[in-house]
C-alpha atoms as a PDB file:
ATOM      1  CA  MET A   1     -58.474 -17.646 -31.181  1.00  0.00           C
ATOM      2  CA  LYS A   2     -56.029 -17.299 -34.055  1.00  0.00           C
ATOM      3  CA  SER A   3     -57.670 -20.140 -35.970  1.00  0.00           C
ATOM      4  CA  LYS A   4     -61.086 -18.537 -35.522  1.00  0.00           C
ATOM      5  CA  ILE A   5     -59.783 -15.219 -36.884  1.00  0.00           C
ATOM      6  CA  LEU A   6     -58.248 -16.997 -39.886  1.00  0.00           C
ATOM      7  CA  GLU A   7     -61.482 -18.905 -40.524  1.00  0.00           C
ATOM      8  CA  VAL A   8     -63.475 -15.663 -40.587  1.00  0.00           C
ATOM      9  CA  ALA A   9     -60.843 -13.918 -42.719  1.00  0.00           C
ATOM     10  CA  ILE A  10     -60.880 -16.703 -45.335  1.00  0.00           C
ATOM     11  CA  GLU A  11     -64.663 -16.580 -45.588  1.00  0.00           C
ATOM     12  CA  GLN A  12     -64.855 -12.787 -45.765  1.00  0.00           C
ATOM     13  CA  PHE A  13     -61.952 -12.297 -48.180  1.00  0.00           C
ATOM     14  CA  SER A  14     -63.343 -15.000 -50.476  1.00  0.00           C
ATOM     15  CA  ARG A  15     -66.785 -13.397 -50.600  1.00  0.00           C
ATOM     16  CA  PHE A  16     -66.001  -9.692 -50.695  1.00  0.00           C
ATOM     17  CA  GLY A  17     -62.361  -9.288 -51.713  1.00  0.00           C
ATOM     18  CA  VAL A  18     -59.330  -8.479 -49.625  1.00  0.00           C
ATOM     19  CA  ARG A  19     -59.328  -4.685 -49.719  1.00  0.00           C
ATOM     20  CA  THR A  20     -63.030  -4.230 -48.946  1.00  0.00           C
ATOM     21  CA  VAL A  21     -62.918  -6.223 -45.714  1.00  0.00           C
ATOM     22  CA  THR A  22     -61.366  -4.290 -42.821  1.00  0.00           C
ATOM     23  CA  MET A  23     -59.643  -5.448 -39.666  1.00  0.00           C
ATOM     24  CA  GLU A  24     -62.648  -4.068 -37.801  1.00  0.00           C
ATOM     25  CA  ASP A  25     -64.927  -6.355 -39.828  1.00  0.00           C
ATOM     26  CA  ILE A  26     -62.772  -9.389 -39.020  1.00  0.00           C
ATOM     27  CA  ALA A  27     -62.708  -8.493 -35.301  1.00  0.00           C
ATOM     28  CA  ARG A  28     -66.472  -8.000 -35.115  1.00  0.00           C
ATOM     29  CA  LEU A  29     -67.300 -11.231 -36.936  1.00  0.00           C
ATOM     30  CA  SER A  30     -64.729 -13.170 -34.897  1.00  0.00           C
ATOM     31  CA  GLY A  31     -66.218 -11.865 -31.659  1.00  0.00           C
ATOM     32  CA  VAL A  32     -62.948 -10.286 -30.518  1.00  0.00           C
ATOM     33  CA  SER A  33     -61.561  -6.794 -30.157  1.00  0.00           C
ATOM     34  CA  LYS A  34     -59.432  -5.161 -32.808  1.00  0.00           C
ATOM     35  CA  LYS A  35     -56.621  -5.123 -30.246  1.00  0.00           C
ATOM     36  CA  THR A  36     -56.792  -8.911 -30.027  1.00  0.00           C
ATOM     37  CA  ILE A  37     -56.392  -9.188 -33.815  1.00  0.00           C
ATOM     38  CA  TYR A  38     -53.241  -7.071 -33.673  1.00  0.00           C
ATOM     39  CA  GLN A  39     -51.861  -9.291 -30.927  1.00  0.00           C
ATOM     40  CA  GLU A  40     -52.078 -12.227 -33.343  1.00  0.00           C
ATOM     41  CA  PHE A  41     -51.190 -10.433 -36.597  1.00  0.00           C
ATOM     42  CA  LYS A  42     -48.779  -7.565 -37.105  1.00  0.00           C
ATOM     43  CA  ASP A  43     -50.991  -5.824 -39.676  1.00  0.00           C
ATOM     44  CA  LYS A  44     -53.446  -6.567 -42.464  1.00  0.00           C
ATOM     45  CA  LYS A  45     -50.670  -7.699 -44.819  1.00  0.00           C
ATOM     46  CA  ASP A  46     -49.625 -10.261 -42.227  1.00  0.00           C
ATOM     47  CA  LEU A  47     -53.239 -11.459 -41.867  1.00  0.00           C
ATOM     48  CA  VAL A  48     -53.675 -11.756 -45.639  1.00  0.00           C
ATOM     49  CA  LYS A  49     -50.402 -13.676 -45.944  1.00  0.00           C
ATOM     50  CA  GLU A  50     -51.357 -16.165 -43.232  1.00  0.00           C
ATOM     51  CA  THR A  51     -54.882 -16.504 -44.608  1.00  0.00           C
ATOM     52  CA  PHE A  52     -53.558 -17.284 -48.088  1.00  0.00           C
ATOM     53  CA  ALA A  53     -51.051 -19.722 -46.572  1.00  0.00           C
ATOM     54  CA  CYS A  54     -53.926 -21.572 -44.832  1.00  0.00           C
ATOM     55  CA  VAL A  55     -55.846 -21.931 -48.097  1.00  0.00           C
ATOM     56  CA  LEU A  56     -52.780 -23.217 -49.958  1.00  0.00           C
ATOM     57  CA  GLU A  57     -51.948 -25.638 -47.145  1.00  0.00           C
ATOM     58  CA  GLU A  58     -55.471 -27.052 -47.322  1.00  0.00           C
ATOM     59  CA  ASP A  59     -55.038 -27.596 -51.073  1.00  0.00           C
ATOM     60  CA  ARG A  60     -51.556 -29.059 -50.555  1.00  0.00           C
ATOM     61  CA  ILE A  61     -52.932 -31.626 -48.107  1.00  0.00           C
ATOM     62  CA  LYS A  62     -55.674 -32.622 -50.559  1.00  0.00           C
ATOM     63  CA  MET A  63     -53.172 -32.938 -53.420  1.00  0.00           C
ATOM     64  CA  CYS A  64     -50.737 -34.991 -51.319  1.00  0.00           C
ATOM     65  CA  TYR A  65     -53.577 -37.310 -50.334  1.00  0.00           C
ATOM     66  CA  MET A  66     -54.524 -37.796 -53.984  1.00  0.00           C
ATOM     67  CA  MET A  67     -50.896 -38.468 -54.952  1.00  0.00           C
ATOM     68  CA  GLU A  68     -50.492 -41.037 -52.179  1.00  0.00           C
ATOM     69  CA  HIS A  69     -53.885 -42.776 -52.306  1.00  0.00           C
ATOM     70  CA  GLU A  70     -55.316 -42.412 -55.809  1.00  0.00           C
ATOM     71  CA  ASP A  71     -54.094 -45.219 -58.054  1.00  0.00           C
ATOM     72  CA  GLY A  72     -56.331 -44.348 -60.985  1.00  0.00           C
ATOM     73  CA  VAL A  73     -55.144 -41.578 -63.291  1.00  0.00           C
ATOM     74  CA  ILE A  74     -58.642 -40.777 -64.505  1.00  0.00           C
ATOM     75  CA  GLU A  75     -60.069 -40.706 -60.993  1.00  0.00           C
ATOM     76  CA  HIS A  76     -57.266 -38.364 -60.012  1.00  0.00           C
ATOM     77  CA  LEU A  77     -58.073 -35.977 -62.874  1.00  0.00           C
ATOM     78  CA  VAL A  78     -61.772 -35.895 -62.025  1.00  0.00           C
ATOM     79  CA  LYS A  79     -61.102 -35.276 -58.338  1.00  0.00           C
ATOM     80  CA  ALA A  80     -58.565 -32.547 -59.153  1.00  0.00           C
ATOM     81  CA  SER A  81     -61.172 -30.894 -61.360  1.00  0.00           C
ATOM     82  CA  LYS A  82     -63.726 -31.103 -58.541  1.00  0.00           C
ATOM     83  CA  MET A  83     -61.240 -29.584 -56.111  1.00  0.00           C
ATOM     84  CA  LEU A  84     -60.638 -26.695 -58.518  1.00  0.00           C
ATOM     85  CA  ARG A  85     -64.373 -26.088 -58.909  1.00  0.00           C
ATOM     86  CA  GLU A  86     -64.936 -26.070 -55.158  1.00  0.00           C
ATOM     87  CA  ARG A  87     -62.076 -23.639 -54.589  1.00  0.00           C
ATOM     88  CA  LEU A  88     -63.116 -21.153 -57.264  1.00  0.00           C
ATOM     89  CA  ALA A  89     -66.914 -21.486 -57.311  1.00  0.00           C
ATOM     90  CA  ASN A  90     -67.624 -19.083 -54.470  1.00  0.00           C
ATOM     91  CA  MET A  91     -64.530 -16.935 -54.702  1.00  0.00           C
ATOM     92  CA  ASN A  92     -64.723 -13.290 -55.662  1.00  0.00           C
ATOM     93  CA  PRO A  93     -62.352 -12.948 -58.671  1.00  0.00           C
ATOM     94  CA  MET A  94     -61.135  -9.645 -57.266  1.00  0.00           C
ATOM     95  CA  VAL A  95     -59.335 -11.585 -54.521  1.00  0.00           C
ATOM     96  CA  ILE A  96     -56.710 -12.851 -56.948  1.00  0.00           C
ATOM     97  CA  LEU A  97     -56.230  -9.471 -58.590  1.00  0.00           C
ATOM     98  CA  GLU A  98     -55.952  -7.671 -55.248  1.00  0.00           C
ATOM     99  CA  ILE A  99     -53.417 -10.124 -53.852  1.00  0.00           C
ATOM    100  CA  GLN A 100     -51.282  -9.852 -56.996  1.00  0.00           C
ATOM    101  CA  ARG A 101     -51.276  -6.071 -56.893  1.00  0.00           C
ATOM    102  CA  HIS A 102     -51.271  -5.214 -53.224  1.00  0.00           C
ATOM    103  CA  PHE A 103     -50.036  -8.251 -51.270  1.00  0.00           C
ATOM    104  CA  PRO A 104     -47.000  -9.572 -53.226  1.00  0.00           C
ATOM    105  CA  GLU A 105     -45.634 -11.578 -50.285  1.00  0.00           C
ATOM    106  CA  ALA A 106     -48.832 -13.599 -50.221  1.00  0.00           C
ATOM    107  CA  TRP A 107     -48.738 -14.077 -53.999  1.00  0.00           C
ATOM    108  CA  ILE A 108     -45.184 -15.453 -53.826  1.00  0.00           C
ATOM    109  CA  GLN A 109     -46.624 -18.311 -51.776  1.00  0.00           C
ATOM    110  CA  PHE A 110     -48.941 -19.206 -54.654  1.00  0.00           C
ATOM    111  CA  GLU A 111     -46.053 -19.170 -57.139  1.00  0.00           C
ATOM    112  CA  SER A 112     -44.088 -21.527 -54.884  1.00  0.00           C
ATOM    113  CA  PHE A 113     -47.116 -23.778 -54.496  1.00  0.00           C
ATOM    114  CA  LYS A 114     -47.426 -24.133 -58.283  1.00  0.00           C
ATOM    115  CA  GLU A 115     -43.789 -25.113 -58.640  1.00  0.00           C
ATOM    116  CA  GLU A 116     -43.465 -27.392 -55.625  1.00  0.00           C
ATOM    117  CA  PHE A 117     -46.784 -29.238 -55.778  1.00  0.00           C
ATOM    118  CA  VAL A 118     -48.806 -28.615 -58.930  1.00  0.00           C
ATOM    119  CA  MET A 119     -45.898 -29.265 -61.311  1.00  0.00           C
ATOM    120  CA  LYS A 120     -44.845 -32.394 -59.419  1.00  0.00           C
ATOM    121  CA  ASP A 121     -48.392 -33.746 -59.358  1.00  0.00           C
ATOM    122  CA  LEU A 122     -48.939 -33.098 -63.068  1.00  0.00           C
ATOM    123  CA  VAL A 123     -45.696 -34.778 -64.140  1.00  0.00           C
ATOM    124  CA  ASN A 124     -46.511 -37.849 -62.020  1.00  0.00           C
ATOM    125  CA  VAL A 125     -50.039 -38.114 -63.426  1.00  0.00           C
ATOM    126  CA  LEU A 126     -48.891 -37.625 -67.016  1.00  0.00           C
ATOM    127  CA  GLU A 127     -46.182 -40.275 -66.723  1.00  0.00           C
ATOM    128  CA  LYS A 128     -48.555 -42.776 -65.125  1.00  0.00           C
ATOM    129  CA  GLY A 129     -51.225 -41.991 -67.708  1.00  0.00           C
ATOM    130  CA  LYS A 130     -48.832 -42.672 -70.584  1.00  0.00           C
ATOM    131  CA  LEU A 131     -47.918 -46.060 -69.121  1.00  0.00           C
ATOM    132  CA  LEU A 132     -51.595 -46.966 -68.760  1.00  0.00           C
ATOM    133  CA  GLY A 133     -52.447 -45.890 -72.299  1.00  0.00           C
ATOM    134  CA  TYR A 134     -54.640 -42.923 -71.314  1.00  0.00           C
ATOM    135  CA  PHE A 135     -52.304 -40.266 -72.711  1.00  0.00           C
ATOM    136  CA  ARG A 136     -50.443 -40.124 -76.003  1.00  0.00           C
ATOM    137  CA  PRO A 137     -47.079 -41.848 -75.448  1.00  0.00           C
ATOM    138  CA  GLU A 138     -45.061 -39.274 -77.384  1.00  0.00           C
ATOM    139  CA  ILE A 139     -45.908 -36.272 -75.189  1.00  0.00           C
ATOM    140  CA  ASP A 140     -43.175 -34.720 -73.033  1.00  0.00           C
ATOM    141  CA  SER A 141     -44.584 -34.755 -69.497  1.00  0.00           C
ATOM    142  CA  ILE A 142     -42.447 -31.896 -68.207  1.00  0.00           C
ATOM    143  CA  ILE A 143     -43.303 -29.598 -71.119  1.00  0.00           C
ATOM    144  CA  LEU A 144     -47.012 -30.424 -70.906  1.00  0.00           C
ATOM    145  CA  ALA A 145     -47.036 -29.969 -67.125  1.00  0.00           C
ATOM    146  CA  ARG A 146     -45.443 -26.537 -67.608  1.00  0.00           C
ATOM    147  CA  LEU A 147     -48.047 -25.696 -70.244  1.00  0.00           C
ATOM    148  CA  ARG A 148     -50.857 -26.585 -67.840  1.00  0.00           C
ATOM    149  CA  VAL A 149     -49.321 -24.552 -65.006  1.00  0.00           C
ATOM    150  CA  ASN A 150     -49.062 -21.593 -67.391  1.00  0.00           C
ATOM    151  CA  GLN A 151     -52.728 -22.065 -68.306  1.00  0.00           C
ATOM    152  CA  ILE A 152     -53.661 -21.870 -64.638  1.00  0.00           C
ATOM    153  CA  SER A 153     -51.664 -18.664 -64.279  1.00  0.00           C
ATOM    154  CA  SER A 154     -53.138 -17.104 -67.406  1.00  0.00           C
ATOM    155  CA  SER A 155     -56.668 -17.141 -66.001  1.00  0.00           C
ATOM    156  CA  PHE A 156     -55.392 -15.052 -63.082  1.00  0.00           C
ATOM    157  CA  ASP A 157     -54.006 -12.426 -65.463  1.00  0.00           C
ATOM    158  CA  PRO A 158     -55.945  -9.187 -64.877  1.00  0.00           C
ATOM    159  CA  ALA A 159     -56.413  -8.788 -68.648  1.00  0.00           C
ATOM    160  CA  ASN A 160     -58.629 -11.873 -68.665  1.00  0.00           C
ATOM    161  CA  PHE A 161     -61.077 -10.370 -66.192  1.00  0.00           C
ATOM    162  CA  ASP A 162     -62.314  -8.148 -69.022  1.00  0.00           C
ATOM    163  CA  MET A 163     -63.875 -11.151 -70.817  1.00  0.00           C
ATOM    164  CA  LYS A 164     -67.558 -10.306 -70.619  1.00  0.00           C
ATOM    165  CA  GLY A 165     -69.818 -13.168 -69.605  1.00  0.00           C
ATOM    166  CA  TYR A 166     -67.015 -15.413 -68.287  1.00  0.00           C
ATOM    167  CA  ASN A 167     -65.713 -15.988 -64.791  1.00  0.00           C
ATOM    168  CA  ILE A 168     -62.464 -17.434 -63.525  1.00  0.00           C
ATOM    169  CA  LEU A 169     -63.980 -20.866 -62.879  1.00  0.00           C
ATOM    170  CA  GLU A 170     -65.345 -21.137 -66.418  1.00  0.00           C
ATOM    171  CA  LEU A 171     -61.976 -20.100 -67.840  1.00  0.00           C
ATOM    172  CA  GLN A 172     -60.112 -22.695 -65.778  1.00  0.00           C
ATOM    173  CA  LEU A 173     -62.475 -25.556 -66.605  1.00  0.00           C
ATOM    174  CA  GLU A 174     -62.526 -24.739 -70.320  1.00  0.00           C
ATOM    175  CA  MET A 175     -58.720 -24.627 -70.482  1.00  0.00           C
ATOM    176  CA  MET A 176     -58.420 -27.861 -68.506  1.00  0.00           C
ATOM    177  CA  ASP A 177     -60.852 -29.594 -70.860  1.00  0.00           C
ATOM    178  CA  HIS A 178     -58.898 -28.360 -73.895  1.00  0.00           C
ATOM    179  CA  PHE A 179     -55.617 -29.487 -72.333  1.00  0.00           C
ATOM    180  CA  LEU A 180     -56.855 -32.989 -71.524  1.00  0.00           C
ATOM    181  CA  HIS A 181     -58.415 -33.635 -74.926  1.00  0.00           C
ATOM    182  CA  GLY A 182     -55.134 -32.612 -76.506  1.00  0.00           C
ATOM    183  CA  ILE A 183     -53.239 -35.389 -74.728  1.00  0.00           C
ATOM    184  CA  PHE A 184     -55.869 -38.139 -74.373  1.00  0.00           C
ATOM    185  CA  THR A 185     -55.783 -41.320 -76.384  1.00  0.00           C
ATOM    186  CA  GLU A 186     -59.229 -42.614 -77.357  1.00  0.00           C
ATOM    187  CA  LYS A 187     -59.036 -44.944 -74.357  1.00  0.00           C
ATOM    188  CA  GLY A 188     -58.319 -41.996 -72.062  1.00  0.00           C
ATOM    189  CA  ARG A 189     -61.078 -39.842 -73.521  1.00  0.00           C
ATOM    190  CA  ILE A 190     -63.714 -42.558 -73.038  1.00  0.00           C
ATOM    191  CA  ALA A 191     -62.537 -43.367 -69.512  1.00  0.00           C
ATOM    192  CA  TYR A 192     -62.594 -39.675 -68.548  1.00  0.00           C
ATOM    193  CA  GLN A 193     -66.123 -39.142 -69.856  1.00  0.00           C
ATOM    194  CA  GLN A 194     -67.333 -42.258 -68.043  1.00  0.00           C
ATOM    195  CA  GLN A 195     -65.693 -41.219 -64.778  1.00  0.00           C
ATOM    196  CA  LYS A 196     -67.128 -37.708 -64.996  1.00  0.00           C
ATOM    197  CA  ALA A 197     -70.603 -39.136 -65.590  1.00  0.00           C
ATOM    198  CA  THR A 198     -70.217 -41.390 -62.536  1.00  0.00           C
ATOM    199  CA  GLN A 199     -69.152 -38.471 -60.360  1.00  0.00           C
ATOM    200  CA  GLU A 200     -72.105 -36.362 -61.517  1.00  0.00           C
ATOM    201  CA  ILE A 201     -74.730 -39.005 -60.724  1.00  0.00           C
END
């Protein structure tokens, strides 16, 4: 029952935002009573926190799989980009803003996720890419990984939602593209373009 409630909550929060969707909405769409929801979750803040934790855990599992099974640096980058697109494509941008402002305990989970998994993954990929000749050998992997993490965070800054004609997915993909072409060698740039073309076929 709890997993069903979380599944509905993830779908509804992603589509309509966190504040718009009520506990009554979640209960109705889950096919349970509101009382049942409160038996599983203390309040809406608790539901939002667990919902956000489920989403981050899903991404953590995907990232761990890529770290453990993807030998190719370029393949890893393309799959990470695809994962980002899938996560953000159908997400209401208000979700991020609302969680930052009104559900700080849930947002802390995202900050921890960036430090514990995203930073680690980026440093590993950058170091491997330098050894394989895909990235410029003189770059500092820790500094560049921090720069990329800060780029990710900057697109979630409420000030950036005022950019007319752009959405959060477009911002993230544009910044990622800029980041990669700043560190690629010619070998890396060609390999990345070829891999992207293969994935798009």
